[in-house]
Amino acid sequence: MEDETYSGLGNGGEIDTKVVQTFQKNFVQVQNILDQNRLLINEINQNHETKIPDNLTRNVGLIRELNNNIRRVVDLYADLSTSYAKSMDASSSDGDSNGAMKSGGNKRNRPA
């Protein structure tokens, strides 16, 4: 199963199973963090509405945690983007010597 590929990308390309597993793992992590952020935001809002000094002080830590979670989500999406770009570069290197791709797809050039 490790050497399996998924086809059906529209251009006839294939994706390595490891790439798909990486995407799935990262998306699950992102979703878990976003779920946690929703709970943090709810608690921050409730604390703010009470106007109790201790609750407002607690919000400082909760907001820091929220900001750290947002950074983690950004990092995970950056990792996903890099993984995707590498997988597309790897699949395009399967082309023949004149640069044509075996899958018949076209490689888009990214600005530097």
N, C-alpha and C. Protein backbone atom coordinates (compact mmCIF):
# COMPACT_ATOMS: atom_id res chain seq x y z
N MET A 1 0.82 -1.19 0.00
CA MET A 1 0.00 0.00 0.00
C MET A 1 0.87 1.25 0.00
N GLU A 2 2.10 1.18 0.53
CA GLU A 2 2.94 2.35 0.60
C GLU A 2 3.33 2.88 -0.77
N ASP A 3 3.41 2.01 -1.76
CA ASP A 3 3.82 2.45 -3.09
C ASP A 3 2.64 2.76 -3.99
N GLU A 4 1.45 2.81 -3.42
CA GLU A 4 0.27 3.12 -4.21
C GLU A 4 0.29 4.56 -4.65
N THR A 5 -0.42 4.81 -5.75
CA THR A 5 -0.61 6.18 -6.20
C THR A 5 -2.09 6.40 -6.42
N TYR A 6 -2.51 7.65 -6.32
CA TYR A 6 -3.88 8.03 -6.59
C TYR A 6 -3.90 8.77 -7.91
N SER A 7 -4.83 8.38 -8.78
CA SER A 7 -4.95 9.11 -10.04
C SER A 7 -6.27 9.86 -10.03
N GLY A 8 -6.51 10.60 -11.09
CA GLY A 8 -7.76 11.34 -11.17
C GLY A 8 -7.58 12.80 -10.81
N LEU A 9 -6.43 13.35 -11.13
CA LEU A 9 -6.18 14.76 -10.86
C LEU A 9 -6.71 15.66 -11.95
N GLY A 10 -7.39 15.11 -12.92
CA GLY A 10 -7.91 15.92 -14.00
C GLY A 10 -6.96 15.95 -15.18
N ASN A 11 -5.66 15.99 -14.91
CA ASN A 11 -4.69 16.01 -16.00
C ASN A 11 -4.03 14.65 -16.17
N GLY A 12 -4.55 13.64 -15.49
CA GLY A 12 -4.02 12.29 -15.63
C GLY A 12 -2.84 12.02 -14.71
N GLY A 13 -2.47 12.96 -13.85
CA GLY A 13 -1.33 12.80 -12.96
C GLY A 13 -1.65 11.85 -11.82
N GLU A 14 -0.62 11.51 -11.07
CA GLU A 14 -0.79 10.63 -9.94
C GLU A 14 -0.13 11.26 -8.72
N ILE A 15 -0.67 10.94 -7.54
CA ILE A 15 -0.12 11.44 -6.29
C ILE A 15 0.34 10.24 -5.46
N ASP A 16 1.51 10.32 -4.92
CA ASP A 16 2.06 9.28 -4.06
C ASP A 16 1.23 9.19 -2.78
N THR A 17 1.07 7.98 -2.26
CA THR A 17 0.30 7.75 -1.04
C THR A 17 0.86 8.54 0.14
N LYS A 18 2.20 8.63 0.23
CA LYS A 18 2.82 9.37 1.32
C LYS A 18 2.40 10.84 1.30
N VAL A 19 2.29 11.41 0.12
CA VAL A 19 1.87 12.81 -0.01
C VAL A 19 0.44 12.96 0.50
N VAL A 20 -0.42 12.05 0.11
CA VAL A 20 -1.82 12.10 0.55
C VAL A 20 -1.91 11.95 2.06
N GLN A 21 -1.12 11.04 2.61
CA GLN A 21 -1.13 10.85 4.06
C GLN A 21 -0.64 12.10 4.79
N THR A 22 0.38 12.76 4.24
CA THR A 22 0.88 14.00 4.82
C THR A 22 -0.21 15.06 4.80
N PHE A 23 -0.90 15.19 3.67
CA PHE A 23 -2.00 16.17 3.56
C PHE A 23 -3.07 15.88 4.60
N GLN A 24 -3.48 14.62 4.68
CA GLN A 24 -4.53 14.26 5.62
C GLN A 24 -4.11 14.55 7.05
N LYS A 25 -2.87 14.19 7.42
CA LYS A 25 -2.37 14.43 8.77
C LYS A 25 -2.37 15.92 9.09
N ASN A 26 -1.87 16.74 8.16
CA ASN A 26 -1.82 18.18 8.40
C ASN A 26 -3.21 18.79 8.48
N PHE A 27 -4.12 18.34 7.62
CA PHE A 27 -5.48 18.88 7.66
C PHE A 27 -6.18 18.52 8.97
N VAL A 28 -5.94 17.33 9.48
CA VAL A 28 -6.52 16.93 10.77
C VAL A 28 -5.95 17.82 11.88
N GLN A 29 -4.63 18.07 11.84
CA GLN A 29 -4.03 18.95 12.85
C GLN A 29 -4.62 20.35 12.77
N VAL A 30 -4.75 20.87 11.55
CA VAL A 30 -5.33 22.21 11.37
C VAL A 30 -6.74 22.25 11.93
N GLN A 31 -7.55 21.24 11.60
CA GLN A 31 -8.94 21.23 12.07
C GLN A 31 -9.01 21.18 13.59
N ASN A 32 -8.13 20.38 14.21
CA ASN A 32 -8.12 20.30 15.67
C ASN A 32 -7.76 21.64 16.30
N ILE A 33 -6.77 22.33 15.71
CA ILE A 33 -6.38 23.64 16.23
C ILE A 33 -7.52 24.64 16.05
N LEU A 34 -8.17 24.61 14.89
CA LEU A 34 -9.29 25.53 14.66
C LEU A 34 -10.44 25.27 15.62
N ASP A 35 -10.69 24.00 15.92
CA ASP A 35 -11.72 23.67 16.91
C ASP A 35 -11.35 24.22 18.28
N GLN A 36 -10.08 24.08 18.65
CA GLN A 36 -9.61 24.62 19.92
C GLN A 36 -9.73 26.14 19.93
N ASN A 37 -9.41 26.78 18.80
CA ASN A 37 -9.53 28.24 18.72
C ASN A 37 -10.97 28.70 18.92
N ARG A 38 -11.92 27.95 18.38
CA ARG A 38 -13.32 28.29 18.55
C ARG A 38 -13.69 28.30 20.03
N LEU A 39 -13.20 27.29 20.76
CA LEU A 39 -13.47 27.22 22.20
C LEU A 39 -12.79 28.37 22.93
N LEU A 40 -11.55 28.68 22.54
CA LEU A 40 -10.84 29.80 23.17
C LEU A 40 -11.57 31.11 22.95
N ILE A 41 -12.02 31.33 21.74
CA ILE A 41 -12.73 32.58 21.41
C ILE A 41 -14.02 32.68 22.22
N ASN A 42 -14.73 31.57 22.35
CA ASN A 42 -15.96 31.58 23.16
C ASN A 42 -15.64 31.94 24.61
N GLU A 43 -14.59 31.35 25.16
CA GLU A 43 -14.23 31.65 26.55
C GLU A 43 -13.78 33.10 26.70
N ILE A 44 -12.99 33.58 25.74
CA ILE A 44 -12.55 34.99 25.77
C ILE A 44 -13.76 35.92 25.75
N ASN A 45 -14.72 35.64 24.90
CA ASN A 45 -15.92 36.47 24.82
C ASN A 45 -16.71 36.45 26.13
N GLN A 46 -16.87 35.26 26.70
CA GLN A 46 -17.60 35.15 27.96
C GLN A 46 -16.90 35.93 29.07
N ASN A 47 -15.57 35.79 29.14
CA ASN A 47 -14.80 36.52 30.15
C ASN A 47 -14.93 38.03 29.96
N HIS A 48 -14.91 38.44 28.73
CA HIS A 48 -15.02 39.88 28.43
C HIS A 48 -16.37 40.43 28.86
N GLU A 49 -17.42 39.65 28.62
CA GLU A 49 -18.77 40.09 28.97
C GLU A 49 -18.97 40.22 30.47
N THR A 50 -18.25 39.41 31.27
CA THR A 50 -18.44 39.47 32.72
C THR A 50 -17.82 40.72 33.32
N LYS A 51 -16.81 41.27 32.68
CA LYS A 51 -16.10 42.47 33.17
C LYS A 51 -15.43 42.24 34.53
N ILE A 52 -15.31 40.98 34.94
CA ILE A 52 -14.65 40.64 36.20
C ILE A 52 -13.14 40.73 35.97
N PRO A 53 -12.43 41.48 36.83
CA PRO A 53 -10.99 41.67 36.61
C PRO A 53 -10.19 40.38 36.45
N ASP A 54 -10.48 39.37 37.26
CA ASP A 54 -9.74 38.10 37.13
C ASP A 54 -9.98 37.45 35.77
N ASN A 55 -11.21 37.52 35.28
CA ASN A 55 -11.53 36.95 33.97
C ASN A 55 -10.84 37.73 32.85
N LEU A 56 -10.80 39.05 32.99
CA LEU A 56 -10.13 39.87 31.99
C LEU A 56 -8.62 39.60 31.98
N THR A 57 -8.06 39.37 33.16
CA THR A 57 -6.64 39.02 33.26
C THR A 57 -6.38 37.67 32.61
N ARG A 58 -7.29 36.73 32.84
CA ARG A 58 -7.16 35.40 32.22
C ARG A 58 -7.19 35.50 30.70
N ASN A 59 -7.92 36.46 30.18
CA ASN A 59 -8.01 36.63 28.72
C ASN A 59 -6.66 36.90 28.09
N VAL A 60 -5.76 37.54 28.82
CA VAL A 60 -4.42 37.83 28.28
C VAL A 60 -3.74 36.52 27.87
N GLY A 61 -3.77 35.54 28.77
CA GLY A 61 -3.18 34.24 28.47
C GLY A 61 -3.92 33.50 27.37
N LEU A 62 -5.25 33.61 27.38
CA LEU A 62 -6.05 32.93 26.35
C LEU A 62 -5.78 33.53 24.97
N ILE A 63 -5.63 34.85 24.92
CA ILE A 63 -5.35 35.50 23.63
C ILE A 63 -3.96 35.12 23.14
N ARG A 64 -3.00 35.00 24.05
CA ARG A 64 -1.65 34.54 23.65
C ARG A 64 -1.72 33.12 23.08
N GLU A 65 -2.48 32.27 23.75
CA GLU A 65 -2.65 30.89 23.26
C GLU A 65 -3.30 30.89 21.87
N LEU A 66 -4.31 31.73 21.70
CA LEU A 66 -4.99 31.85 20.41
C LEU A 66 -4.00 32.30 19.33
N ASN A 67 -3.19 33.31 19.63
CA ASN A 67 -2.20 33.78 18.67
C ASN A 67 -1.18 32.70 18.31
N ASN A 68 -0.74 31.93 19.31
CA ASN A 68 0.19 30.83 19.03
C ASN A 68 -0.46 29.77 18.15
N ASN A 69 -1.73 29.49 18.41
CA ASN A 69 -2.44 28.51 17.58
C ASN A 69 -2.55 28.99 16.14
N ILE A 70 -2.80 30.27 15.97
CA ILE A 70 -2.90 30.82 14.61
C ILE A 70 -1.55 30.68 13.90
N ARG A 71 -0.46 30.94 14.62
CA ARG A 71 0.88 30.75 14.03
C ARG A 71 1.09 29.30 13.61
N ARG A 72 0.63 28.37 14.45
CA ARG A 72 0.78 26.95 14.11
C ARG A 72 -0.01 26.60 12.85
N VAL A 73 -1.21 27.14 12.72
CA VAL A 73 -2.03 26.88 11.52
C VAL A 73 -1.31 27.43 10.29
N VAL A 74 -0.77 28.63 10.39
CA VAL A 74 -0.04 29.22 9.26
C VAL A 74 1.14 28.33 8.89
N ASP A 75 1.88 27.85 9.89
CA ASP A 75 3.02 26.97 9.63
C ASP A 75 2.59 25.67 8.96
N LEU A 76 1.48 25.11 9.43
CA LEU A 76 0.99 23.86 8.84
C LEU A 76 0.59 24.07 7.38
N TYR A 77 -0.09 25.19 7.09
CA TYR A 77 -0.46 25.47 5.71
C TYR A 77 0.78 25.72 4.85
N ALA A 78 1.80 26.36 5.41
CA ALA A 78 3.05 26.56 4.67
C ALA A 78 3.70 25.21 4.36
N ASP A 79 3.69 24.29 5.33
CA ASP A 79 4.22 22.95 5.10
C ASP A 79 3.43 22.22 4.02
N LEU A 80 2.10 22.36 4.06
CA LEU A 80 1.27 21.74 3.03
C LEU A 80 1.61 22.29 1.66
N SER A 81 1.77 23.59 1.57
CA SER A 81 2.09 24.22 0.30
C SER A 81 3.43 23.72 -0.23
N THR A 82 4.42 23.64 0.65
CA THR A 82 5.74 23.15 0.26
C THR A 82 5.67 21.70 -0.19
N SER A 83 4.95 20.88 0.57
CA SER A 83 4.81 19.46 0.21
C SER A 83 4.13 19.30 -1.15
N TYR A 84 3.10 20.10 -1.37
CA TYR A 84 2.38 20.03 -2.64
C TYR A 84 3.30 20.45 -3.79
N ALA A 85 4.03 21.54 -3.60
CA ALA A 85 4.93 22.02 -4.64
C ALA A 85 6.00 20.98 -4.95
N LYS A 86 6.56 20.36 -3.91
CA LYS A 86 7.57 19.32 -4.12
C LYS A 86 6.99 18.12 -4.86
N SER A 87 5.76 17.74 -4.50
CA SER A 87 5.16 16.58 -5.16
C SER A 87 4.88 16.88 -6.63
N MET A 88 4.49 18.13 -6.91
CA MET A 88 4.26 18.50 -8.31
C MET A 88 5.56 18.59 -9.08
N ASP A 89 6.63 19.09 -8.46
CA ASP A 89 7.93 19.13 -9.10
C ASP A 89 8.44 17.72 -9.36
N ALA A 90 8.24 16.83 -8.39
CA ALA A 90 8.68 15.45 -8.56
C ALA A 90 7.92 14.77 -9.68
N SER A 91 6.60 15.02 -9.76
CA SER A 91 5.82 14.37 -10.82
C SER A 91 6.18 14.96 -12.18
N SER A 92 6.57 16.23 -12.22
CA SER A 92 6.94 16.82 -13.51
C SER A 92 8.32 16.35 -13.95
N SER A 93 9.16 15.89 -13.01
CA SER A 93 10.49 15.40 -13.38
C SER A 93 10.39 14.01 -14.00
N ASP A 94 9.18 13.42 -14.02
CA ASP A 94 8.98 12.14 -14.67
C ASP A 94 8.88 12.29 -16.19
N GLY A 95 9.01 13.50 -16.67
CA GLY A 95 8.89 13.77 -18.10
C GLY A 95 10.07 13.23 -18.88
N ASP A 96 9.96 13.24 -20.22
CA ASP A 96 11.06 12.74 -21.04
C ASP A 96 12.11 13.83 -21.23
N SER A 97 13.13 13.57 -21.99
CA SER A 97 14.27 14.47 -22.11
C SER A 97 13.92 15.80 -22.75
N ASN A 98 12.84 15.90 -23.53
CA ASN A 98 12.50 17.18 -24.13
C ASN A 98 11.56 18.00 -23.25
N GLY A 99 11.35 17.54 -22.01
CA GLY A 99 10.58 18.32 -21.05
C GLY A 99 9.10 18.00 -21.03
N ALA A 100 8.61 17.14 -21.88
CA ALA A 100 7.19 16.78 -21.88
C ALA A 100 6.91 15.88 -20.69
N MET A 101 5.74 16.02 -20.13
CA MET A 101 5.38 15.20 -18.98
C MET A 101 4.67 13.94 -19.46
N LYS A 102 5.00 12.82 -18.80
CA LYS A 102 4.36 11.56 -19.16
C LYS A 102 2.86 11.61 -18.96
N SER A 103 2.42 12.34 -17.96
CA SER A 103 0.99 12.37 -17.64
C SER A 103 0.20 13.26 -18.59
N GLY A 104 0.91 14.03 -19.40
CA GLY A 104 0.21 14.90 -20.34
C GLY A 104 -0.20 16.22 -19.73
N GLY A 105 0.18 16.48 -18.46
CA GLY A 105 -0.20 17.73 -17.81
C GLY A 105 0.80 18.83 -18.11
N ASN A 106 0.47 20.04 -17.73
CA ASN A 106 1.35 21.16 -17.91
C ASN A 106 1.82 21.66 -16.56
N LYS A 107 3.10 21.97 -16.47
CA LYS A 107 3.65 22.54 -15.25
C LYS A 107 3.55 24.05 -15.32
N ARG A 108 2.99 24.63 -14.26
CA ARG A 108 2.90 26.08 -14.20
C ARG A 108 4.17 26.63 -13.58
N ASN A 109 4.72 27.67 -14.15
CA ASN A 109 5.89 28.30 -13.58
C ASN A 109 5.45 29.26 -12.50
N ARG A 110 6.11 29.17 -11.33
CA ARG A 110 5.82 30.06 -10.22
C ARG A 110 6.80 31.22 -10.27
N PRO A 111 6.34 32.43 -9.97
CA PRO A 111 7.25 33.57 -9.93
C PRO A 111 8.29 33.39 -8.84
N ALA A 112 9.49 33.87 -9.08
CA ALA A 112 10.57 33.72 -8.10
C ALA A 112 10.43 34.67 -6.94
